[in-house]
Every structure is written in structure tokens, then in C-alpha cells.
C-alpha atoms as a PDB file:
ATOM      1  CA  UNK A   1      -1.190 105.885  18.535  1.00  0.00           C
ATOM      2  CA  UNK A   2       0.765 105.034  15.388  1.00  0.00           C
ATOM      3  CA  UNK A   3       2.633 101.961  16.645  1.00  0.00           C
ATOM      4  CA  UNK A   4       2.130  99.498  19.502  1.00  0.00           C
ATOM      5  CA  UNK A   5       4.814  96.968  20.397  1.00  0.00           C
ATOM      6  CA  UNK A   6       4.045  93.993  22.648  1.00  0.00           C
ATOM      7  CA  UNK A   7       6.864  92.232  24.512  1.00  0.00           C
ATOM      8  CA  UNK A   8       6.569  89.167  26.743  1.00  0.00           C
ATOM      9  CA  UNK A   9       9.401  88.333  29.130  1.00  0.00           C
ATOM     10  CA  UNK A  10      10.375  85.848  31.830  1.00  0.00           C
ATOM     11  CA  UNK A  11      13.609  86.253  33.841  1.00  0.00           C
ATOM     12  CA  UNK A  12      15.234  88.379  31.119  1.00  0.00           C
ATOM     13  CA  UNK A  13      15.596  91.831  32.662  1.00  0.00           C
ATOM     14  CA  UNK A  14      18.967  92.577  31.031  1.00  0.00           C
ATOM     15  CA  UNK A  15      17.772  91.558  27.558  1.00  0.00           C
ATOM     16  CA  UNK A  16      14.535  93.490  28.098  1.00  0.00           C
ATOM     17  CA  UNK A  17      16.556  96.619  28.884  1.00  0.00           C
ATOM     18  CA  UNK A  18      18.613  96.123  25.716  1.00  0.00           C
ATOM     19  CA  UNK A  19      15.422  95.723  23.695  1.00  0.00           C
ATOM     20  CA  UNK A  20      13.784  98.835  25.175  1.00  0.00           C
ATOM     21  CA  UNK A  21      16.934 100.866  24.592  1.00  0.00           C
ATOM     22  CA  UNK A  22      16.992  99.713  20.962  1.00  0.00           C
ATOM     23  CA  UNK A  23      13.345 100.657  20.521  1.00  0.00           C
ATOM     24  CA  UNK A  24      14.021 104.113  21.985  1.00  0.00           C
ATOM     25  CA  UNK A  25      16.959 104.703  19.638  1.00  0.00           C
ATOM     26  CA  UNK A  26      15.308 103.386  16.466  1.00  0.00           C
ATOM     27  CA  UNK A  27      11.621 104.276  16.646  1.00  0.00           C
ATOM     28  CA  UNK A  28      10.359 107.557  15.262  1.00  0.00           C
ATOM     29  CA  UNK A  29       6.954 109.062  15.786  1.00  0.00           C
ATOM     30  CA  UNK A  30       4.273 108.148  18.255  1.00  0.00           C
ATOM     31  CA  UNK A  31       4.539 104.682  19.814  1.00  0.00           C
ATOM     32  CA  UNK A  32       3.875 102.645  22.924  1.00  0.00           C
ATOM     33  CA  UNK A  33       5.369  99.457  24.320  1.00  0.00           C
ATOM     34  CA  UNK A  34       3.362  96.989  26.381  1.00  0.00           C
ATOM     35  CA  UNK A  35       5.558  94.622  28.390  1.00  0.00           C
ATOM     36  CA  UNK A  36       4.128  91.519  30.050  1.00  0.00           C
ATOM     37  CA  UNK A  37       6.233  89.776  32.696  1.00  0.00           C
ATOM     38  CA  UNK A  38       5.063  86.186  32.598  1.00  0.00           C
ATOM     39  CA  UNK A  39       5.498  85.066  36.206  1.00  0.00           C
ATOM     40  CA  UNK A  40       9.087  86.010  37.056  1.00  0.00           C
ATOM     41  CA  UNK A  41      10.063  86.023  40.761  1.00  0.00           C
ATOM     42  CA  UNK A  42       8.890  89.041  42.794  1.00  0.00           C
ATOM     43  CA  UNK A  43      12.276  90.799  42.814  1.00  0.00           C
ATOM     44  CA  UNK A  44      12.553  90.633  39.018  1.00  0.00           C
ATOM     45  CA  UNK A  45       8.968  91.848  38.643  1.00  0.00           C
ATOM     46  CA  UNK A  46       9.648  94.782  40.972  1.00  0.00           C
ATOM     47  CA  UNK A  47      12.595  95.860  38.826  1.00  0.00           C
ATOM     48  CA  UNK A  48      10.624  95.293  35.634  1.00  0.00           C
ATOM     49  CA  UNK A  49       7.748  97.462  36.896  1.00  0.00           C
ATOM     50  CA  UNK A  50      10.290 100.156  37.766  1.00  0.00           C
ATOM     51  CA  UNK A  51      11.183 100.469  34.079  1.00  0.00           C
ATOM     52  CA  UNK A  52       8.021 102.535  33.574  1.00  0.00           C
ATOM     53  CA  UNK A  53       9.839 105.460  35.241  1.00  0.00           C
ATOM     54  CA  UNK A  54      12.767 105.173  32.831  1.00  0.00           C
ATOM     55  CA  UNK A  55      10.650 104.705  29.695  1.00  0.00           C
ATOM     56  CA  UNK A  56       7.509 106.909  29.797  1.00  0.00           C
ATOM     57  CA  UNK A  57       5.997 105.177  26.751  1.00  0.00           C
ATOM     58  CA  UNK A  58       6.145 101.779  28.517  1.00  0.00           C
ATOM     59  CA  UNK A  59       3.273 100.022  30.268  1.00  0.00           C
ATOM     60  CA  UNK A  60       4.158  96.921  32.322  1.00  0.00           C
ATOM     61  CA  UNK A  61       1.745  94.145  33.262  1.00  0.00           C
ATOM     62  CA  UNK A  62       2.835  91.569  35.844  1.00  0.00           C
ATOM     63  CA  UNK A  63       1.437  88.039  35.811  1.00  0.00           C
ATOM     64  CA  UNK A  64       1.807  86.143  39.083  1.00  0.00           C
ATOM     65  CA  UNK A  65       2.242  82.800  37.315  1.00  0.00           C
ATOM     66  CA  UNK A  66       3.189  81.736  33.828  1.00  0.00           C
ATOM     67  CA  UNK A  67       0.152  81.512  31.609  1.00  0.00           C
ATOM     68  CA  UNK A  68       2.043  79.902  28.768  1.00  0.00           C
ATOM     69  CA  UNK A  69       2.555  83.073  26.741  1.00  0.00           C
END
């Protein structure tokens, strides 16, 4: 893996999508993105986890409560 990008989010699904789209358009070569949802409500987390289907280089981790990240 040449590049790893770590993103942390809370209740920002729309901005997260914009960020991931920008990464897809502007990143060349081999890369991965690790996205941590820091305790968003269940519905937001469900949608966030679903992004893995849209972005195959994305791995999503869901925290049940905010750990102060």
C-alpha cells in the first residue's frame, strides 16, 4: 500500500461523501481510506457503512459512542 488516509467523522455524511469523491478524483496509484464514524446515530452509521460498496478502497469502522477522537 502506497498511501493510507484516515478520516474521522460524526454526523457529516454529506461532507464525507464530498471528501471521498475528491479523494477518488485526485489520488493516483495504490491507496486506501480508513473511515471511523465516532458515535453517530444508528441510521447515519448504517449509511456510512454502506459507502464501502460505492468505494472499494474504503474500510469503515463504527464506534458506538464518541471516544473523543
